N, C-alpha and C. Protein backbone atom coordinates (compact mmCIF):
# COMPACT_ATOMS: atom_id res chain seq x y z
N UNK A 1 -38.32 29.20 -32.01
CA UNK A 1 -37.95 29.15 -30.61
C UNK A 1 -36.57 29.79 -30.45
N UNK A 2 -36.41 30.66 -29.47
CA UNK A 2 -35.13 31.33 -29.26
C UNK A 2 -34.18 30.40 -28.51
N UNK A 3 -32.85 30.58 -28.70
CA UNK A 3 -31.88 29.72 -28.01
C UNK A 3 -31.91 29.95 -26.52
N UNK A 4 -31.60 28.90 -25.76
CA UNK A 4 -31.54 28.99 -24.31
C UNK A 4 -30.12 29.39 -23.94
N UNK A 5 -29.98 30.50 -23.23
CA UNK A 5 -28.67 31.02 -22.86
C UNK A 5 -28.48 30.85 -21.35
N UNK A 6 -27.29 30.38 -20.95
CA UNK A 6 -26.98 30.26 -19.53
C UNK A 6 -27.05 31.66 -18.93
N UNK A 7 -27.78 31.85 -17.82
CA UNK A 7 -28.01 33.19 -17.28
C UNK A 7 -26.76 33.92 -16.81
N UNK A 8 -25.74 33.22 -16.34
CA UNK A 8 -24.54 33.91 -15.84
C UNK A 8 -23.37 33.82 -16.80
N UNK A 9 -23.27 32.72 -17.52
CA UNK A 9 -22.07 32.52 -18.33
C UNK A 9 -22.25 32.91 -19.78
N UNK A 10 -23.49 33.00 -20.24
CA UNK A 10 -23.75 33.49 -21.58
C UNK A 10 -23.58 32.48 -22.70
N UNK A 11 -23.26 31.22 -22.44
CA UNK A 11 -23.13 30.27 -23.53
C UNK A 11 -24.46 29.59 -23.80
N UNK A 12 -24.58 29.07 -25.00
CA UNK A 12 -25.80 28.37 -25.39
C UNK A 12 -25.87 27.02 -24.70
N UNK A 13 -26.95 26.76 -23.98
CA UNK A 13 -27.11 25.47 -23.31
C UNK A 13 -27.22 24.35 -24.33
N UNK A 14 -27.64 24.65 -25.55
CA UNK A 14 -27.70 23.65 -26.61
C UNK A 14 -26.34 23.00 -26.81
N UNK A 15 -25.26 23.74 -26.53
CA UNK A 15 -23.92 23.19 -26.74
C UNK A 15 -23.65 22.01 -25.80
N UNK A 16 -24.44 21.84 -24.74
CA UNK A 16 -24.26 20.72 -23.82
C UNK A 16 -25.01 19.47 -24.27
N UNK A 17 -25.88 19.60 -25.24
CA UNK A 17 -26.63 18.43 -25.67
C UNK A 17 -25.74 17.60 -26.57
N UNK A 18 -25.29 16.48 -26.01
CA UNK A 18 -24.39 15.59 -26.74
C UNK A 18 -25.11 14.28 -26.98
N UNK A 19 -24.64 13.59 -27.96
CA UNK A 19 -25.21 12.29 -28.28
C UNK A 19 -24.54 11.26 -27.40
N UNK A 20 -25.23 10.90 -26.32
CA UNK A 20 -24.75 9.92 -25.35
C UNK A 20 -25.76 8.79 -25.26
N UNK A 21 -25.27 7.61 -24.87
CA UNK A 21 -26.15 6.46 -24.73
C UNK A 21 -25.72 5.65 -23.50
N UNK A 22 -26.70 5.12 -22.80
CA UNK A 22 -26.43 4.21 -21.69
C UNK A 22 -26.57 2.80 -22.23
N UNK A 23 -25.51 2.01 -22.05
CA UNK A 23 -25.56 0.63 -22.51
C UNK A 23 -24.65 -0.23 -21.63
N UNK A 24 -24.64 -1.51 -21.87
CA UNK A 24 -23.84 -2.46 -21.11
C UNK A 24 -22.38 -2.05 -21.13
N UNK A 25 -21.72 -2.19 -19.96
CA UNK A 25 -20.33 -1.78 -19.81
C UNK A 25 -19.48 -2.95 -19.30
N UNK A 26 -18.26 -3.05 -19.81
CA UNK A 26 -17.32 -4.06 -19.32
C UNK A 26 -16.83 -3.71 -17.92
N UNK A 27 -16.94 -2.45 -17.52
CA UNK A 27 -16.47 -2.01 -16.20
C UNK A 27 -17.46 -2.43 -15.12
N UNK A 28 -18.72 -2.04 -15.30
CA UNK A 28 -19.75 -2.36 -14.29
C UNK A 28 -21.13 -2.13 -14.89
N UNK A 29 -21.90 -3.17 -14.99
CA UNK A 29 -23.31 -3.11 -15.40
C UNK A 29 -23.51 -2.20 -16.61
N UNK A 30 -24.07 -1.01 -16.37
CA UNK A 30 -24.33 -0.05 -17.44
C UNK A 30 -23.35 1.10 -17.36
N UNK A 31 -23.05 1.68 -18.50
CA UNK A 31 -22.16 2.84 -18.56
C UNK A 31 -22.65 3.81 -19.61
N UNK A 32 -22.04 4.99 -19.63
CA UNK A 32 -22.40 6.02 -20.60
C UNK A 32 -21.33 6.05 -21.70
N UNK A 33 -21.78 6.01 -22.93
CA UNK A 33 -20.89 6.04 -24.09
C UNK A 33 -21.25 7.21 -24.97
N UNK A 34 -20.25 7.79 -25.61
CA UNK A 34 -20.50 8.90 -26.51
C UNK A 34 -20.66 8.40 -27.94
N UNK A 35 -21.57 8.98 -28.66
CA UNK A 35 -21.79 8.63 -30.06
C UNK A 35 -21.08 9.60 -30.99
N UNK A 36 -20.41 10.59 -30.41
CA UNK A 36 -19.67 11.57 -31.21
C UNK A 36 -18.40 11.96 -30.47
N UNK A 37 -17.45 12.53 -31.19
CA UNK A 37 -16.20 12.96 -30.60
C UNK A 37 -16.46 14.11 -29.63
N UNK A 38 -15.77 14.08 -28.49
CA UNK A 38 -15.88 15.16 -27.49
C UNK A 38 -14.49 15.75 -27.31
N UNK A 39 -14.40 17.05 -27.39
CA UNK A 39 -13.11 17.73 -27.25
C UNK A 39 -12.73 17.90 -25.78
N UNK A 40 -11.43 17.87 -25.53
CA UNK A 40 -10.90 18.12 -24.19
C UNK A 40 -11.44 19.45 -23.68
N UNK A 41 -11.87 19.45 -22.43
CA UNK A 41 -12.39 20.67 -21.80
C UNK A 41 -13.89 20.87 -21.93
N UNK A 42 -14.54 20.08 -22.77
CA UNK A 42 -15.98 20.25 -22.99
C UNK A 42 -16.77 19.81 -21.76
N UNK A 43 -17.77 20.62 -21.38
CA UNK A 43 -18.74 20.19 -20.37
C UNK A 43 -19.66 19.19 -21.06
N UNK A 44 -19.88 18.05 -20.41
CA UNK A 44 -20.63 16.98 -21.07
C UNK A 44 -22.05 16.86 -20.53
N UNK A 45 -22.17 16.74 -19.22
CA UNK A 45 -23.48 16.51 -18.62
C UNK A 45 -23.43 16.95 -17.16
N UNK A 46 -24.59 17.32 -16.62
CA UNK A 46 -24.68 17.68 -15.21
C UNK A 46 -25.11 16.45 -14.40
N UNK A 47 -24.51 16.31 -13.21
CA UNK A 47 -24.91 15.26 -12.28
C UNK A 47 -26.11 15.79 -11.51
N UNK A 48 -27.29 15.37 -11.90
CA UNK A 48 -28.53 15.89 -11.33
C UNK A 48 -29.13 14.92 -10.32
N UNK A 49 -29.96 15.45 -9.47
CA UNK A 49 -30.66 14.61 -8.50
C UNK A 49 -31.11 15.43 -7.31
N UNK A 50 -31.74 14.75 -6.39
CA UNK A 50 -32.24 15.38 -5.18
C UNK A 50 -31.07 15.67 -4.24
N UNK A 51 -31.04 16.85 -3.70
CA UNK A 51 -30.00 17.24 -2.73
C UNK A 51 -30.54 16.92 -1.33
N UNK A 52 -29.69 16.23 -0.54
CA UNK A 52 -30.09 15.88 0.82
C UNK A 52 -28.87 15.86 1.72
N UNK A 53 -29.12 15.88 3.03
CA UNK A 53 -28.01 15.80 3.98
C UNK A 53 -27.37 14.42 3.88
N UNK A 54 -26.05 14.39 4.00
CA UNK A 54 -25.29 13.15 3.92
C UNK A 54 -25.81 12.13 4.92
N UNK A 55 -26.06 12.56 6.15
CA UNK A 55 -26.56 11.65 7.19
C UNK A 55 -27.91 11.05 6.81
N UNK A 56 -28.79 11.86 6.21
CA UNK A 56 -30.10 11.35 5.79
C UNK A 56 -29.94 10.31 4.68
N UNK A 57 -29.01 10.56 3.76
CA UNK A 57 -28.75 9.61 2.68
C UNK A 57 -28.21 8.30 3.24
N UNK A 58 -27.34 8.39 4.23
CA UNK A 58 -26.80 7.17 4.86
C UNK A 58 -27.93 6.33 5.45
N UNK A 59 -28.88 6.98 6.10
CA UNK A 59 -30.02 6.26 6.68
C UNK A 59 -30.90 5.66 5.58
N UNK A 60 -31.15 6.44 4.54
CA UNK A 60 -32.02 6.01 3.45
C UNK A 60 -31.45 4.80 2.71
N UNK A 61 -30.14 4.79 2.52
CA UNK A 61 -29.50 3.73 1.74
C UNK A 61 -28.71 2.74 2.59
N UNK A 62 -29.01 2.66 3.87
CA UNK A 62 -28.26 1.83 4.81
C UNK A 62 -28.09 0.39 4.34
N UNK A 63 -29.10 -0.21 3.79
CA UNK A 63 -29.05 -1.63 3.41
C UNK A 63 -28.76 -1.85 1.93
N UNK A 64 -28.48 -0.80 1.18
CA UNK A 64 -28.25 -0.94 -0.25
C UNK A 64 -26.77 -1.18 -0.54
N UNK A 65 -26.46 -2.09 -1.47
CA UNK A 65 -25.05 -2.38 -1.77
C UNK A 65 -24.35 -1.27 -2.55
N UNK A 66 -25.12 -0.44 -3.24
CA UNK A 66 -24.52 0.67 -3.97
C UNK A 66 -25.52 1.82 -4.04
N UNK A 67 -24.99 3.00 -4.27
CA UNK A 67 -25.82 4.21 -4.37
C UNK A 67 -25.29 5.06 -5.51
N UNK A 68 -25.99 6.13 -5.80
CA UNK A 68 -25.56 7.11 -6.79
C UNK A 68 -25.41 8.47 -6.12
N UNK A 69 -24.83 8.47 -4.93
CA UNK A 69 -24.67 9.70 -4.16
C UNK A 69 -23.38 10.41 -4.55
N UNK A 70 -23.46 11.73 -4.66
CA UNK A 70 -22.28 12.53 -5.01
C UNK A 70 -22.16 13.64 -3.97
N UNK A 71 -21.07 13.62 -3.19
CA UNK A 71 -20.86 14.63 -2.16
C UNK A 71 -20.57 16.00 -2.77
N UNK A 72 -21.20 17.03 -2.21
CA UNK A 72 -20.97 18.40 -2.70
C UNK A 72 -20.56 19.30 -1.54
N UNK A 73 -19.93 20.40 -1.89
CA UNK A 73 -19.51 21.37 -0.89
C UNK A 73 -18.55 20.73 0.09
N UNK A 74 -18.81 20.94 1.37
CA UNK A 74 -17.93 20.39 2.41
C UNK A 74 -18.29 18.95 2.78
N UNK A 75 -19.20 18.33 2.05
CA UNK A 75 -19.58 16.95 2.30
C UNK A 75 -20.80 16.79 3.17
N UNK A 76 -21.35 17.90 3.66
CA UNK A 76 -22.55 17.85 4.49
C UNK A 76 -23.75 17.40 3.67
N UNK A 77 -23.76 17.77 2.38
CA UNK A 77 -24.86 17.43 1.48
C UNK A 77 -24.36 16.53 0.36
N UNK A 78 -25.29 15.75 -0.19
CA UNK A 78 -25.02 14.91 -1.35
C UNK A 78 -26.12 15.12 -2.38
N UNK A 79 -25.80 14.78 -3.61
CA UNK A 79 -26.80 14.74 -4.68
C UNK A 79 -27.12 13.27 -4.88
N UNK A 80 -28.40 12.92 -4.75
CA UNK A 80 -28.86 11.55 -4.97
C UNK A 80 -29.16 11.45 -6.47
N UNK A 81 -28.20 10.95 -7.21
CA UNK A 81 -28.21 11.04 -8.66
C UNK A 81 -29.33 10.34 -9.38
N UNK A 82 -29.79 10.98 -10.44
CA UNK A 82 -30.65 10.37 -11.44
C UNK A 82 -30.30 11.03 -12.76
N UNK A 83 -30.67 10.42 -13.83
CA UNK A 83 -30.33 10.96 -15.14
C UNK A 83 -29.07 10.31 -15.69
N UNK A 84 -28.61 10.81 -16.79
CA UNK A 84 -27.50 10.22 -17.54
C UNK A 84 -26.21 10.12 -16.73
N UNK A 85 -25.84 11.16 -16.00
CA UNK A 85 -24.55 11.19 -15.32
C UNK A 85 -24.40 10.11 -14.25
N UNK A 86 -25.49 9.65 -13.68
CA UNK A 86 -25.39 8.63 -12.64
C UNK A 86 -24.84 7.31 -13.18
N UNK A 87 -24.86 7.14 -14.48
CA UNK A 87 -24.37 5.90 -15.08
C UNK A 87 -22.90 5.96 -15.48
N UNK A 88 -22.23 7.09 -15.26
CA UNK A 88 -20.80 7.13 -15.55
C UNK A 88 -20.07 6.27 -14.53
N UNK A 89 -19.26 5.37 -15.01
CA UNK A 89 -18.53 4.46 -14.15
C UNK A 89 -17.21 5.05 -13.69
N UNK A 90 -16.65 4.43 -12.66
CA UNK A 90 -15.34 4.79 -12.13
C UNK A 90 -14.24 4.18 -13.00
N UNK A 91 -13.14 4.90 -13.14
CA UNK A 91 -11.94 4.34 -13.73
C UNK A 91 -10.72 5.01 -13.11
N UNK A 92 -9.68 4.23 -12.92
CA UNK A 92 -8.40 4.77 -12.43
C UNK A 92 -7.64 5.47 -13.56
N UNK A 93 -8.14 5.34 -14.80
CA UNK A 93 -7.58 6.04 -15.96
C UNK A 93 -8.73 6.80 -16.63
N UNK A 94 -9.22 7.88 -15.98
CA UNK A 94 -10.42 8.56 -16.44
C UNK A 94 -10.20 9.39 -17.71
N UNK A 95 -11.31 9.61 -18.43
CA UNK A 95 -11.29 10.55 -19.55
C UNK A 95 -12.13 11.78 -19.21
N UNK A 96 -12.74 11.77 -18.02
CA UNK A 96 -13.55 12.89 -17.55
C UNK A 96 -13.19 13.21 -16.11
N UNK A 97 -13.63 14.36 -15.65
CA UNK A 97 -13.52 14.73 -14.25
C UNK A 97 -14.79 15.47 -13.87
N UNK A 98 -14.99 15.63 -12.58
CA UNK A 98 -16.15 16.37 -12.12
C UNK A 98 -15.70 17.74 -11.64
N UNK A 99 -16.59 18.68 -11.73
CA UNK A 99 -16.33 20.01 -11.16
C UNK A 99 -17.62 20.55 -10.60
N UNK A 100 -17.47 21.32 -9.57
CA UNK A 100 -18.61 21.90 -8.87
C UNK A 100 -18.59 23.40 -9.13
N UNK A 101 -19.74 23.96 -9.51
CA UNK A 101 -19.79 25.40 -9.73
C UNK A 101 -20.14 26.12 -8.43
N UNK A 102 -20.27 27.42 -8.51
CA UNK A 102 -20.50 28.23 -7.30
C UNK A 102 -21.84 27.93 -6.64
N UNK A 103 -22.75 27.28 -7.36
CA UNK A 103 -24.06 26.90 -6.80
C UNK A 103 -24.09 25.43 -6.37
N UNK A 104 -22.90 24.82 -6.30
CA UNK A 104 -22.75 23.42 -5.92
C UNK A 104 -23.46 22.48 -6.88
N UNK A 105 -23.54 22.89 -8.15
CA UNK A 105 -24.00 21.99 -9.21
C UNK A 105 -22.78 21.25 -9.72
N UNK A 106 -22.94 19.96 -9.98
CA UNK A 106 -21.83 19.11 -10.38
C UNK A 106 -21.90 18.85 -11.88
N UNK A 107 -20.77 19.09 -12.55
CA UNK A 107 -20.67 18.90 -13.99
C UNK A 107 -19.60 17.87 -14.30
N UNK A 108 -19.79 17.16 -15.39
CA UNK A 108 -18.80 16.23 -15.90
C UNK A 108 -18.12 16.92 -17.08
N UNK A 109 -16.76 16.96 -17.05
CA UNK A 109 -15.98 17.63 -18.09
C UNK A 109 -14.95 16.66 -18.66
N UNK A 110 -14.71 16.74 -19.96
CA UNK A 110 -13.71 15.91 -20.62
C UNK A 110 -12.31 16.42 -20.26
N UNK A 111 -11.42 15.51 -19.83
CA UNK A 111 -10.04 15.91 -19.52
C UNK A 111 -9.08 15.55 -20.65
N UNK A 112 -9.62 14.94 -21.68
CA UNK A 112 -8.85 14.67 -22.91
C UNK A 112 -9.86 14.53 -24.04
N UNK A 113 -9.38 14.53 -25.27
CA UNK A 113 -10.27 14.26 -26.38
C UNK A 113 -10.81 12.84 -26.24
N UNK A 114 -12.09 12.68 -26.48
CA UNK A 114 -12.75 11.38 -26.34
C UNK A 114 -13.36 11.03 -27.69
N UNK A 115 -13.05 9.86 -28.17
CA UNK A 115 -13.54 9.43 -29.48
C UNK A 115 -14.94 8.82 -29.39
N UNK A 116 -15.68 8.90 -30.49
CA UNK A 116 -17.00 8.27 -30.56
C UNK A 116 -16.87 6.79 -30.21
N UNK A 117 -17.80 6.29 -29.42
CA UNK A 117 -17.81 4.90 -29.01
C UNK A 117 -17.14 4.63 -27.67
N UNK A 118 -16.37 5.61 -27.15
CA UNK A 118 -15.70 5.41 -25.86
C UNK A 118 -16.69 5.55 -24.71
N UNK A 119 -16.40 4.79 -23.65
CA UNK A 119 -17.17 4.95 -22.42
C UNK A 119 -16.64 6.16 -21.67
N UNK A 120 -17.55 6.96 -21.13
CA UNK A 120 -17.18 8.12 -20.32
C UNK A 120 -17.00 7.66 -18.88
N UNK A 121 -15.83 7.96 -18.30
CA UNK A 121 -15.51 7.51 -16.95
C UNK A 121 -14.77 8.60 -16.20
N UNK A 122 -14.94 8.62 -14.88
CA UNK A 122 -14.16 9.53 -14.04
C UNK A 122 -13.73 8.78 -12.79
N UNK A 123 -12.73 9.32 -12.11
CA UNK A 123 -12.25 8.70 -10.87
C UNK A 123 -13.17 9.15 -9.75
N UNK A 124 -13.83 8.20 -9.10
CA UNK A 124 -14.78 8.53 -8.04
C UNK A 124 -14.10 9.14 -6.81
N UNK A 125 -12.86 8.82 -6.56
CA UNK A 125 -12.16 9.34 -5.38
C UNK A 125 -13.04 9.25 -4.14
N UNK A 126 -13.62 8.07 -3.88
CA UNK A 126 -14.48 7.91 -2.71
C UNK A 126 -13.74 8.30 -1.44
N UNK A 127 -14.47 8.93 -0.53
CA UNK A 127 -13.84 9.43 0.69
C UNK A 127 -14.50 8.89 1.95
N UNK A 128 -15.52 8.08 1.81
CA UNK A 128 -16.12 7.45 2.99
C UNK A 128 -16.86 6.20 2.54
N UNK A 129 -17.39 5.50 3.49
CA UNK A 129 -18.14 4.29 3.17
C UNK A 129 -17.57 3.11 3.93
N UNK A 130 -18.20 1.99 3.75
CA UNK A 130 -17.77 0.77 4.41
C UNK A 130 -17.37 -0.24 3.34
N UNK A 131 -16.51 -1.15 3.72
CA UNK A 131 -16.10 -2.18 2.79
C UNK A 131 -14.94 -1.74 1.92
N UNK A 132 -14.66 -2.58 0.92
CA UNK A 132 -13.48 -2.38 0.10
C UNK A 132 -13.70 -1.50 -1.13
N UNK A 133 -14.90 -1.41 -1.65
CA UNK A 133 -15.20 -0.66 -2.88
C UNK A 133 -14.23 -1.06 -3.99
N UNK A 134 -14.21 -2.35 -4.37
CA UNK A 134 -13.25 -2.80 -5.37
C UNK A 134 -13.48 -2.15 -6.73
N UNK A 135 -12.38 -1.91 -7.41
CA UNK A 135 -12.41 -1.31 -8.74
C UNK A 135 -12.31 -2.41 -9.78
N UNK A 136 -13.10 -2.30 -10.83
CA UNK A 136 -13.08 -3.27 -11.92
C UNK A 136 -12.80 -2.59 -13.25
N UNK A 137 -12.09 -1.45 -13.20
CA UNK A 137 -11.89 -0.66 -14.42
C UNK A 137 -10.98 -1.33 -15.44
N UNK A 138 -10.04 -2.15 -14.98
CA UNK A 138 -9.14 -2.82 -15.89
C UNK A 138 -8.01 -1.95 -16.43
N UNK A 139 -7.84 -0.75 -15.87
CA UNK A 139 -6.77 0.14 -16.32
C UNK A 139 -5.41 -0.46 -15.99
N UNK A 140 -4.42 -0.13 -16.79
CA UNK A 140 -3.07 -0.64 -16.59
C UNK A 140 -2.56 -0.33 -15.18
N UNK A 141 -2.86 0.87 -14.68
CA UNK A 141 -2.39 1.27 -13.35
C UNK A 141 -3.56 1.35 -12.36
N UNK A 142 -4.47 0.39 -12.44
CA UNK A 142 -5.62 0.35 -11.53
C UNK A 142 -5.12 0.19 -10.10
N UNK A 143 -5.67 1.01 -9.18
CA UNK A 143 -5.25 0.92 -7.77
C UNK A 143 -6.07 -0.11 -7.01
N UNK A 144 -7.05 -0.76 -7.67
CA UNK A 144 -7.79 -1.85 -7.07
C UNK A 144 -8.98 -1.44 -6.23
N UNK A 145 -9.20 -0.16 -6.08
CA UNK A 145 -10.30 0.35 -5.26
C UNK A 145 -10.78 1.68 -5.82
N UNK A 146 -12.03 2.02 -5.51
CA UNK A 146 -12.56 3.32 -5.92
C UNK A 146 -12.29 4.40 -4.88
N UNK A 147 -11.71 4.02 -3.73
CA UNK A 147 -11.37 5.02 -2.72
C UNK A 147 -10.21 5.88 -3.21
N UNK A 148 -10.20 7.12 -2.77
CA UNK A 148 -9.12 8.04 -3.13
C UNK A 148 -7.83 7.62 -2.44
N UNK A 149 -6.69 7.98 -3.01
CA UNK A 149 -5.42 7.70 -2.33
C UNK A 149 -5.38 8.28 -0.91
N UNK A 150 -5.95 9.45 -0.71
CA UNK A 150 -6.00 10.06 0.62
C UNK A 150 -6.81 9.19 1.58
N UNK A 151 -7.95 8.71 1.12
CA UNK A 151 -8.79 7.85 1.97
C UNK A 151 -8.08 6.52 2.25
N UNK A 152 -7.36 5.99 1.29
CA UNK A 152 -6.61 4.75 1.51
C UNK A 152 -5.56 4.94 2.59
N UNK A 153 -4.84 6.07 2.54
CA UNK A 153 -3.84 6.36 3.58
C UNK A 153 -4.51 6.50 4.94
N UNK A 154 -5.67 7.17 5.00
CA UNK A 154 -6.39 7.35 6.25
C UNK A 154 -6.81 5.98 6.81
N UNK A 155 -7.32 5.12 5.96
CA UNK A 155 -7.76 3.79 6.40
C UNK A 155 -6.59 2.96 6.92
N UNK A 156 -5.45 3.05 6.27
CA UNK A 156 -4.26 2.32 6.74
C UNK A 156 -3.83 2.84 8.10
N UNK A 157 -3.86 4.16 8.28
CA UNK A 157 -3.49 4.78 9.55
C UNK A 157 -4.44 4.32 10.66
N UNK A 158 -5.74 4.29 10.39
CA UNK A 158 -6.73 3.85 11.37
C UNK A 158 -6.51 2.38 11.71
N UNK A 159 -6.23 1.55 10.70
CA UNK A 159 -6.00 0.12 10.95
C UNK A 159 -4.74 -0.09 11.80
N UNK A 160 -3.68 0.66 11.52
CA UNK A 160 -2.46 0.55 12.32
C UNK A 160 -2.71 0.95 13.77
N UNK A 161 -3.45 2.02 13.97
CA UNK A 161 -3.76 2.49 15.32
C UNK A 161 -4.62 1.47 16.06
N UNK A 162 -5.58 0.90 15.36
CA UNK A 162 -6.44 -0.12 15.96
C UNK A 162 -5.62 -1.34 16.37
N UNK A 163 -4.70 -1.77 15.49
CA UNK A 163 -3.84 -2.92 15.79
C UNK A 163 -2.91 -2.61 16.97
N UNK A 164 -2.40 -1.38 17.02
CA UNK A 164 -1.53 -0.98 18.12
C UNK A 164 -2.28 -1.02 19.45
N UNK A 165 -3.50 -0.48 19.46
CA UNK A 165 -4.31 -0.48 20.69
C UNK A 165 -4.65 -1.91 21.12
N UNK A 166 -4.92 -2.78 20.16
CA UNK A 166 -5.23 -4.17 20.47
C UNK A 166 -4.02 -4.86 21.09
N UNK A 167 -2.82 -4.58 20.54
CA UNK A 167 -1.58 -5.17 21.08
C UNK A 167 -1.31 -4.67 22.49
N UNK A 168 -1.52 -3.38 22.74
CA UNK A 168 -1.30 -2.80 24.08
C UNK A 168 -2.27 -3.43 25.06
N UNK A 169 -3.53 -3.58 24.64
CA UNK A 169 -4.54 -4.18 25.53
C UNK A 169 -4.20 -5.63 25.85
N UNK A 170 -3.69 -6.37 24.86
CA UNK A 170 -3.30 -7.76 25.08
C UNK A 170 -2.15 -7.86 26.07
N UNK A 171 -1.20 -6.95 25.98
CA UNK A 171 -0.06 -6.93 26.90
C UNK A 171 -0.55 -6.60 28.32
N UNK A 172 -1.46 -5.64 28.43
CA UNK A 172 -1.98 -5.24 29.75
C UNK A 172 -2.79 -6.34 30.41
N UNK A 173 -3.43 -7.20 29.63
CA UNK A 173 -4.27 -8.27 30.17
C UNK A 173 -3.49 -9.51 30.54
N UNK A 174 -2.20 -9.54 30.29
CA UNK A 174 -1.39 -10.72 30.62
C UNK A 174 -1.07 -10.78 32.08
């Protein structure tokens, strides 16, 4: 059998086949762990799944406490994850990051050397949703939520504006 070559980049796709396992995680339910050392910069796995409009996904998962949705492009579309990558947990001290290629395919890449037995994690940087999205990563500098710092600032701004409007309305009704 001849090797499978990436059509545009020319590297062997076999190089992406890593020894990974999904098992119980101290962070949240199940997580992905590596059975071999991974070098910084290595592409590890693709975040695969059905692509759908963000609004359609919101309707589909309206009553679910969690999802495996990954926003792509300008956020109009999401990938409804399945496969190994959907089990990567959030951490405020990640060893991986995500990157999107020109075809809006999402890849998980190592941002530091990762030793065999480590859980693979990335910062979700959530940018929408309801509720608190508490973080349970246990990192020394955990920010306590999976929301991005930008989203946290936006939420604080919205809460301040809402409180200001409520105070003005209370004064006007006196």
